[in-house]
């Protein structure tokens, strides 16, 4: 009798764990899918102005995907470099896209104007635990992905000069027809 109860108890516990793991992970992109060499998972969400768009809208361009928040000094420290990168690559098949985690969308619009942030950002629901960062399993800010023109993740967490080198290399590959 005791064995039956213990067995049933363990089965109940195991089925609960399996249920929790499955239900918690349904919206989360598996880490393997975010590896270098994999096509980046789709993001479809509103931008800061409330207009829906998709990551796949930028296929055919090299994309720097930046999970950022004005609330965090290391993200703010990247503004000058990102502005110069966008300016340097104006007119080329390149896009810098943000995924922003600030709480107040209206306040953020003012910051973006003041800081000269002209690139588009997805709205992450006003939280670091928002739908996009949760789905992409982002746990630190800033987190950077560099995608080639086919939407394939080619670099992760490159900043400054290394980001420039990565983008330039991918643009050169694109021009060669790779």
Foldseek 3Di string as FASTA:
>chain_A
DVVVVVVVVVVVVVVVVVVVVCVLQPLADPQVCVDFFHFDDKDWAAWLVGHTDIPVVLQQAKEKEKEAEPVDVVRVVQLVVVLVVCVVQPPASYAYEYAYQAQDSVVVVVVCVVSVPPGIYGYQNNHCCRSPCRNHVPDDPTKIFIAASRRGTHDIDDGDPRVVVVNVVRSVCVVVPD
